[in-house]
PDB file of all heavy atoms in Angstrom:
ATOM      1  N   ASP A   1      95.308 176.525   5.138  1.00  0.00           N
ATOM      2  CA  ASP A   1      96.329 176.487   4.086  1.00  0.00           C
ATOM      3  C   ASP A   1      96.457 177.868   3.460  1.00  0.00           C
ATOM      4  O   ASP A   1      95.582 178.726   3.660  1.00  0.00           O
ATOM      5  CB  ASP A   1      95.956 175.471   3.012  1.00  0.00           C
ATOM      6  CG  ASP A   1      96.000 174.044   3.491  1.00  0.00           C
ATOM      7  OD1 ASP A   1      96.834 173.763   4.356  1.00  0.00           O
ATOM      8  OD2 ASP A   1      95.194 173.198   3.005  1.00  0.00           O
ATOM      9  N   PRO A   2      97.524 178.140   2.704  1.00  0.00           N
ATOM     10  CA  PRO A   2      97.618 179.397   1.993  1.00  0.00           C
ATOM     11  C   PRO A   2      96.431 179.544   1.029  1.00  0.00           C
ATOM     12  O   PRO A   2      95.912 178.556   0.518  1.00  0.00           O
ATOM     13  CB  PRO A   2      98.933 179.259   1.221  1.00  0.00           C
ATOM     14  CG  PRO A   2      99.741 178.264   2.012  1.00  0.00           C
ATOM     15  CD  PRO A   2      98.728 177.286   2.532  1.00  0.00           C
ATOM     16  N   PRO A   3      95.969 180.789   0.802  1.00  0.00           N
ATOM     17  CA  PRO A   3      96.574 182.045   1.253  1.00  0.00           C
ATOM     18  C   PRO A   3      96.125 182.498   2.642  1.00  0.00           C
ATOM     19  O   PRO A   3      96.743 183.383   3.217  1.00  0.00           O
ATOM     20  CB  PRO A   3      96.089 183.040   0.179  1.00  0.00           C
ATOM     21  CG  PRO A   3      94.769 182.520  -0.197  1.00  0.00           C
ATOM     22  CD  PRO A   3      94.871 181.033  -0.171  1.00  0.00           C
ATOM     23  N   ASP A   4      95.051 181.873   3.206  1.00  0.00           N
ATOM     24  CA  ASP A   4      94.577 182.309   4.507  1.00  0.00           C
ATOM     25  C   ASP A   4      95.625 182.116   5.599  1.00  0.00           C
ATOM     26  O   ASP A   4      95.812 182.952   6.453  1.00  0.00           O
ATOM     27  CB  ASP A   4      93.282 181.552   4.877  1.00  0.00           C
ATOM     28  CG  ASP A   4      92.096 182.007   4.045  1.00  0.00           C
ATOM     29  OD1 ASP A   4      92.076 183.203   3.676  1.00  0.00           O
ATOM     30  OD2 ASP A   4      91.196 181.222   3.791  1.00  0.00           O
ATOM     31  N   HIS A   5      96.296 180.964   5.555  1.00  0.00           N
ATOM     32  CA  HIS A   5      97.335 180.708   6.552  1.00  0.00           C
ATOM     33  C   HIS A   5      98.423 181.744   6.490  1.00  0.00           C
ATOM     34  O   HIS A   5      98.899 182.251   7.518  1.00  0.00           O
ATOM     35  CB  HIS A   5      97.935 179.294   6.352  1.00  0.00           C
ATOM     36  CG  HIS A   5      99.129 179.043   7.203  1.00  0.00           C
ATOM     37  ND1 HIS A   5     100.426 179.256   6.766  1.00  0.00           N
ATOM     38  CD2 HIS A   5      99.235 178.585   8.479  1.00  0.00           C
ATOM     39  CE1 HIS A   5     101.264 178.933   7.725  1.00  0.00           C
ATOM     40  NE2 HIS A   5     100.573 178.530   8.766  1.00  0.00           N
ATOM     41  N   THR A   6      98.838 182.085   5.299  1.00  0.00           N
ATOM     42  CA  THR A   6      99.918 183.079   5.116  1.00  0.00           C
ATOM     43  C   THR A   6      99.515 184.430   5.685  1.00  0.00           C
ATOM     44  O   THR A   6     100.267 185.099   6.383  1.00  0.00           O
ATOM     45  CB  THR A   6     100.251 183.233   3.631  1.00  0.00           C
ATOM     46  OG1 THR A   6     100.555 181.925   3.088  1.00  0.00           O
ATOM     47  CG2 THR A   6     101.445 184.163   3.436  1.00  0.00           C
ATOM     48  N   ARG A   7      98.299 184.855   5.399  1.00  0.00           N
ATOM     49  CA  ARG A   7      97.779 186.140   5.890  1.00  0.00           C
ATOM     50  C   ARG A   7      97.733 186.153   7.418  1.00  0.00           C
ATOM     51  O   ARG A   7      98.215 187.094   8.056  1.00  0.00           O
ATOM     52  CB  ARG A   7      96.388 186.372   5.287  1.00  0.00           C
ATOM     53  CG  ARG A   7      95.661 187.571   5.847  1.00  0.00           C
ATOM     54  CD  ARG A   7      94.364 187.762   5.101  1.00  0.00           C
ATOM     55  NE  ARG A   7      93.518 186.590   5.094  1.00  0.00           N
ATOM     56  CZ  ARG A   7      92.678 186.275   6.084  1.00  0.00           C
ATOM     57  NH1 ARG A   7      92.575 187.072   7.141  1.00  0.00           N
ATOM     58  NH2 ARG A   7      91.932 185.210   6.011  1.00  0.00           N
ATOM     59  N   LEU A   8      97.177 185.125   8.013  1.00  0.00           N
ATOM     60  CA  LEU A   8      97.060 185.082   9.466  1.00  0.00           C
ATOM     61  C   LEU A   8      98.439 185.009  10.143  1.00  0.00           C
ATOM     62  O   LEU A   8      98.715 185.745  11.073  1.00  0.00           O
ATOM     63  CB  LEU A   8      96.228 183.858   9.867  1.00  0.00           C
ATOM     64  CG  LEU A   8      94.739 183.900   9.553  1.00  0.00           C
ATOM     65  CD1 LEU A   8      94.117 182.525   9.680  1.00  0.00           C
ATOM     66  CD2 LEU A   8      94.039 184.886  10.478  1.00  0.00           C
ATOM     67  N   ARG A   9      99.289 184.145   9.629  1.00  0.00           N
ATOM     68  CA  ARG A   9     100.593 183.961  10.238  1.00  0.00           C
ATOM     69  C   ARG A   9     101.449 185.207  10.115  1.00  0.00           C
ATOM     70  O   ARG A   9     102.170 185.566  11.075  1.00  0.00           O
ATOM     71  CB  ARG A   9     101.314 182.764   9.591  1.00  0.00           C
ATOM     72  CG  ARG A   9     102.619 182.392  10.303  1.00  0.00           C
ATOM     73  CD  ARG A   9     103.303 181.221   9.631  1.00  0.00           C
ATOM     74  NE  ARG A   9     104.559 180.885  10.295  1.00  0.00           N
ATOM     75  CZ  ARG A   9     104.711 179.914  11.185  1.00  0.00           C
ATOM     76  NH1 ARG A   9     103.674 179.153  11.515  1.00  0.00           N
ATOM     77  NH2 ARG A   9     105.873 179.694  11.719  1.00  0.00           N
ATOM     78  N   THR A  10     101.367 185.924   9.002  1.00  0.00           N
ATOM     79  CA  THR A  10     102.156 187.137   8.830  1.00  0.00           C
ATOM     80  C   THR A  10     101.814 188.175   9.874  1.00  0.00           C
ATOM     81  O   THR A  10     102.706 188.839  10.438  1.00  0.00           O
ATOM     82  CB  THR A  10     101.926 187.713   7.422  1.00  0.00           C
ATOM     83  OG1 THR A  10     102.354 186.764   6.438  1.00  0.00           O
ATOM     84  CG2 THR A  10     102.704 188.997   7.229  1.00  0.00           C
ATOM     85  N   LEU A  11     100.526 188.302  10.171  1.00  0.00           N
ATOM     86  CA  LEU A  11     100.123 189.298  11.159  1.00  0.00           C
ATOM     87  C   LEU A  11     100.490 188.881  12.583  1.00  0.00           C
ATOM     88  O   LEU A  11     100.982 189.666  13.363  1.00  0.00           O
ATOM     89  CB  LEU A  11      98.612 189.543  11.066  1.00  0.00           C
ATOM     90  CG  LEU A  11      98.143 190.253   9.789  1.00  0.00           C
ATOM     91  CD1 LEU A  11      96.639 190.147   9.636  1.00  0.00           C
ATOM     92  CD2 LEU A  11      98.581 191.731   9.809  1.00  0.00           C
ATOM     93  N   VAL A  12     100.249 187.625  12.928  1.00  0.00           N
ATOM     94  CA  VAL A  12     100.483 187.156  14.294  1.00  0.00           C
ATOM     95  C   VAL A  12     101.967 186.993  14.566  1.00  0.00           C
ATOM     96  O   VAL A  12     102.421 187.189  15.720  1.00  0.00           O
ATOM     97  CB  VAL A  12      99.739 185.844  14.550  1.00  0.00           C
ATOM     98  CG1 VAL A  12      99.964 185.350  15.966  1.00  0.00           C
ATOM     99  CG2 VAL A  12      98.259 186.034  14.303  1.00  0.00           C
ATOM    100  N   SER A  13     102.748 186.657  13.590  1.00  0.00           N
ATOM    101  CA  SER A  13     104.190 186.373  13.801  1.00  0.00           C
ATOM    102  C   SER A  13     104.947 187.582  14.329  1.00  0.00           C
ATOM    103  O   SER A  13     106.022 187.412  14.925  1.00  0.00           O
ATOM    104  CB  SER A  13     104.836 185.860  12.498  1.00  0.00           C
ATOM    105  OG  SER A  13     104.810 186.878  11.510  1.00  0.00           O
ATOM    106  N   LYS A  14     104.407 188.769  14.138  1.00  0.00           N
ATOM    107  CA  LYS A  14     105.083 189.971  14.639  1.00  0.00           C
ATOM    108  C   LYS A  14     105.193 189.979  16.148  1.00  0.00           C
ATOM    109  O   LYS A  14     106.024 190.704  16.705  1.00  0.00           O
ATOM    110  CB  LYS A  14     104.349 191.217  14.149  1.00  0.00           C
ATOM    111  CG  LYS A  14     104.368 191.372  12.614  1.00  0.00           C
ATOM    112  CD  LYS A  14     103.515 192.532  12.147  1.00  0.00           C
ATOM    113  CE  LYS A  14     103.498 192.652  10.629  1.00  0.00           C
ATOM    114  NZ  LYS A  14     102.614 193.752  10.166  1.00  0.00           N
ATOM    115  N   ALA A  15     104.359 189.209  16.808  1.00  0.00           N
ATOM    116  CA  ALA A  15     104.411 189.137  18.274  1.00  0.00           C
ATOM    117  C   ALA A  15     105.441 188.121  18.769  1.00  0.00           C
ATOM    118  O   ALA A  15     105.693 188.033  19.977  1.00  0.00           O
ATOM    119  CB  ALA A  15     103.039 188.747  18.813  1.00  0.00           C
ATOM    120  N   PHE A  16     106.068 187.379  17.841  1.00  0.00           N
ATOM    121  CA  PHE A  16     107.006 186.321  18.260  1.00  0.00           C
ATOM    122  C   PHE A  16     108.353 186.444  17.567  1.00  0.00           C
ATOM    123  O   PHE A  16     109.035 185.451  17.340  1.00  0.00           O
ATOM    124  CB  PHE A  16     106.379 184.955  17.959  1.00  0.00           C
ATOM    125  CG  PHE A  16     105.114 184.702  18.725  1.00  0.00           C
ATOM    126  CD1 PHE A  16     103.874 184.916  18.132  1.00  0.00           C
ATOM    127  CD2 PHE A  16     105.143 184.222  20.012  1.00  0.00           C
ATOM    128  CE1 PHE A  16     102.707 184.677  18.841  1.00  0.00           C
ATOM    129  CE2 PHE A  16     103.981 183.983  20.724  1.00  0.00           C
ATOM    130  CZ  PHE A  16     102.756 184.207  20.123  1.00  0.00           C
ATOM    131  N   THR A  17     108.742 187.654  17.218  1.00  0.00           N
ATOM    132  CA  THR A  17     110.045 187.862  16.608  1.00  0.00           C
ATOM    133  C   THR A  17     111.140 187.699  17.648  1.00  0.00           C
ATOM    134  O   THR A  17     110.885 187.822  18.873  1.00  0.00           O
ATOM    135  CB  THR A  17     110.156 189.240  15.981  1.00  0.00           C
ATOM    136  OG1 THR A  17     110.036 190.231  17.025  1.00  0.00           O
ATOM    137  CG2 THR A  17     109.064 189.475  14.945  1.00  0.00           C
ATOM    138  N   PRO A  18     112.402 187.434  17.243  1.00  0.00           N
ATOM    139  CA  PRO A  18     113.472 187.323  18.225  1.00  0.00           C
ATOM    140  C   PRO A  18     113.615 188.548  19.113  1.00  0.00           C
ATOM    141  O   PRO A  18     113.903 188.420  20.311  1.00  0.00           O
ATOM    142  CB  PRO A  18     114.717 187.132  17.319  1.00  0.00           C
ATOM    143  CG  PRO A  18     114.187 186.460  16.100  1.00  0.00           C
ATOM    144  CD  PRO A  18     112.826 187.084  15.881  1.00  0.00           C
ATOM    145  N   SER A  19     113.419 189.736  18.548  1.00  0.00           N
ATOM    146  CA  SER A  19     113.568 190.951  19.371  1.00  0.00           C
ATOM    147  C   SER A  19     112.466 191.069  20.400  1.00  0.00           C
ATOM    148  O   SER A  19     112.707 191.449  21.561  1.00  0.00           O
ATOM    149  CB  SER A  19     113.566 192.190  18.463  1.00  0.00           C
ATOM    150  OG  SER A  19     112.363 192.287  17.742  1.00  0.00           O
ATOM    151  N   VAL A  20     111.237 190.696  20.036  1.00  0.00           N
ATOM    152  CA  VAL A  20     110.120 190.743  20.990  1.00  0.00           C
ATOM    153  C   VAL A  20     110.352 189.734  22.109  1.00  0.00           C
ATOM    154  O   VAL A  20     110.177 190.023  23.290  1.00  0.00           O
ATOM    155  CB  VAL A  20     108.778 190.452  20.269  1.00  0.00           C
ATOM    156  CG1 VAL A  20     107.664 190.257  21.315  1.00  0.00           C
ATOM    157  CG2 VAL A  20     108.432 191.604  19.345  1.00  0.00           C
ATOM    158  N   VAL A  21     110.742 188.519  21.755  1.00  0.00           N
ATOM    159  CA  VAL A  21     110.979 187.474  22.770  1.00  0.00           C
ATOM    160  C   VAL A  21     112.171 187.822  23.649  1.00  0.00           C
ATOM    161  O   VAL A  21     112.130 187.603  24.872  1.00  0.00           O
ATOM    162  CB  VAL A  21     111.175 186.098  22.109  1.00  0.00           C
ATOM    163  CG1 VAL A  21     111.581 185.042  23.146  1.00  0.00           C
ATOM    164  CG2 VAL A  21     109.889 185.663  21.387  1.00  0.00           C
ATOM    165  N   SER A  22     113.211 188.407  23.065  1.00  0.00           N
ATOM    166  CA  SER A  22     114.352 188.833  23.875  1.00  0.00           C
ATOM    167  C   SER A  22     113.935 189.842  24.924  1.00  0.00           C
ATOM    168  O   SER A  22     114.398 189.811  26.071  1.00  0.00           O
ATOM    169  CB  SER A  22     115.432 189.422  22.959  1.00  0.00           C
ATOM    170  OG  SER A  22     116.551 189.856  23.721  1.00  0.00           O
ATOM    171  N   ALA A  23     113.049 190.759  24.541  1.00  0.00           N
ATOM    172  CA  ALA A  23     112.551 191.771  25.506  1.00  0.00           C
ATOM    173  C   ALA A  23     111.722 191.139  26.584  1.00  0.00           C
ATOM    174  O   ALA A  23     111.612 191.681  27.695  1.00  0.00           O
ATOM    175  CB  ALA A  23     111.764 192.836  24.753  1.00  0.00           C
ATOM    176  N   LEU A  24     111.125 189.959  26.314  1.00  0.00           N
ATOM    177  CA  LEU A  24     110.275 189.274  27.288  1.00  0.00           C
ATOM    178  C   LEU A  24     111.103 188.445  28.307  1.00  0.00           C
ATOM    179  O   LEU A  24     110.566 188.090  29.376  1.00  0.00           O
ATOM    180  CB  LEU A  24     109.295 188.337  26.597  1.00  0.00           C
ATOM    181  CG  LEU A  24     108.100 188.983  25.886  1.00  0.00           C
ATOM    182  CD1 LEU A  24     107.336 187.895  25.105  1.00  0.00           C
ATOM    183  CD2 LEU A  24     107.166 189.638  26.892  1.00  0.00           C
ATOM    184  N   ARG A  25     112.339 188.151  27.989  1.00  0.00           N
ATOM    185  CA  ARG A  25     113.117 187.232  28.838  1.00  0.00           C
ATOM    186  C   ARG A  25     113.209 187.705  30.287  1.00  0.00           C
ATOM    187  O   ARG A  25     113.045 186.882  31.219  1.00  0.00           O
ATOM    188  CB  ARG A  25     114.510 186.996  28.227  1.00  0.00           C
ATOM    189  CG  ARG A  25     114.469 186.199  26.944  1.00  0.00           C
ATOM    190  CD  ARG A  25     115.872 185.957  26.397  1.00  0.00           C
ATOM    191  NE  ARG A  25     116.548 184.917  27.173  1.00  0.00           N
ATOM    192  CZ  ARG A  25     116.603 183.634  26.857  1.00  0.00           C
ATOM    193  NH1 ARG A  25     116.005 183.213  25.724  1.00  0.00           N
ATOM    194  NH2 ARG A  25     117.211 182.770  27.615  1.00  0.00           N
ATOM    195  N   PRO A  26     113.466 189.000  30.568  1.00  0.00           N
ATOM    196  CA  PRO A  26     113.516 189.410  31.984  1.00  0.00           C
ATOM    197  C   PRO A  26     112.186 189.149  32.690  1.00  0.00           C
ATOM    198  O   PRO A  26     112.176 188.755  33.879  1.00  0.00           O
ATOM    199  CB  PRO A  26     113.818 190.900  31.902  1.00  0.00           C
ATOM    200  CG  PRO A  26     114.556 191.057  30.586  1.00  0.00           C
ATOM    201  CD  PRO A  26     113.863 190.105  29.670  1.00  0.00           C
ATOM    202  N   ARG A  27     111.071 189.373  32.000  1.00  0.00           N
ATOM    203  CA  ARG A  27     109.767 189.135  32.617  1.00  0.00           C
ATOM    204  C   ARG A  27     109.544 187.642  32.868  1.00  0.00           C
ATOM    205  O   ARG A  27     109.012 187.249  33.930  1.00  0.00           O
ATOM    206  CB  ARG A  27     108.658 189.708  31.723  1.00  0.00           C
ATOM    207  CG  ARG A  27     107.264 189.453  32.220  1.00  0.00           C
ATOM    208  CD  ARG A  27     107.018 190.052  33.600  1.00  0.00           C
ATOM    209  NE  ARG A  27     105.656 189.790  34.067  1.00  0.00           N
ATOM    210  CZ  ARG A  27     105.330 189.754  35.355  1.00  0.00           C
ATOM    211  NH1 ARG A  27     106.228 189.943  36.308  1.00  0.00           N
ATOM    212  NH2 ARG A  27     104.074 189.521  35.697  1.00  0.00           N
ATOM    213  N   ILE A  28     109.970 186.814  31.927  1.00  0.00           N
ATOM    214  CA  ILE A  28     109.852 185.359  32.113  1.00  0.00           C
ATOM    215  C   ILE A  28     110.647 184.925  33.343  1.00  0.00           C
ATOM    216  O   ILE A  28     110.165 184.139  34.189  1.00  0.00           O
ATOM    217  CB  ILE A  28     110.333 184.604  30.880  1.00  0.00           C
ATOM    218  CG1 ILE A  28     109.475 184.961  29.657  1.00  0.00           C
ATOM    219  CG2 ILE A  28     110.314 183.104  31.095  1.00  0.00           C
ATOM    220  CD1 ILE A  28     109.982 184.385  28.341  1.00  0.00           C
ATOM    221  N   ALA A  29     111.880 185.470  33.487  1.00  0.00           N
ATOM    222  CA  ALA A  29     112.732 185.144  34.616  1.00  0.00           C
ATOM    223  C   ALA A  29     112.089 185.596  35.932  1.00  0.00           C
ATOM    224  O   ALA A  29     112.141 184.868  36.951  1.00  0.00           O
ATOM    225  CB  ALA A  29     114.111 185.750  34.452  1.00  0.00           C
ATOM    226  N   THR A  30     111.493 186.758  35.924  1.00  0.00           N
ATOM    227  CA  THR A  30     110.831 187.265  37.130  1.00  0.00           C
ATOM    228  C   THR A  30     109.685 186.359  37.555  1.00  0.00           C
ATOM    229  O   THR A  30     109.541 186.047  38.764  1.00  0.00           O
ATOM    230  CB  THR A  30     110.324 188.678  36.884  1.00  0.00           C
ATOM    231  OG1 THR A  30     111.429 189.562  36.604  1.00  0.00           O
ATOM    232  CG2 THR A  30     109.565 189.221  38.098  1.00  0.00           C
TER     233      THR A  30
END
């Protein structure tokens, strides 16, 4: 629960932004 959840999620969520996932789409297709 917050605040630990907020701290962890804020750091990890940077790996799952729309721009990051968009860049991964060609690799997923391959």
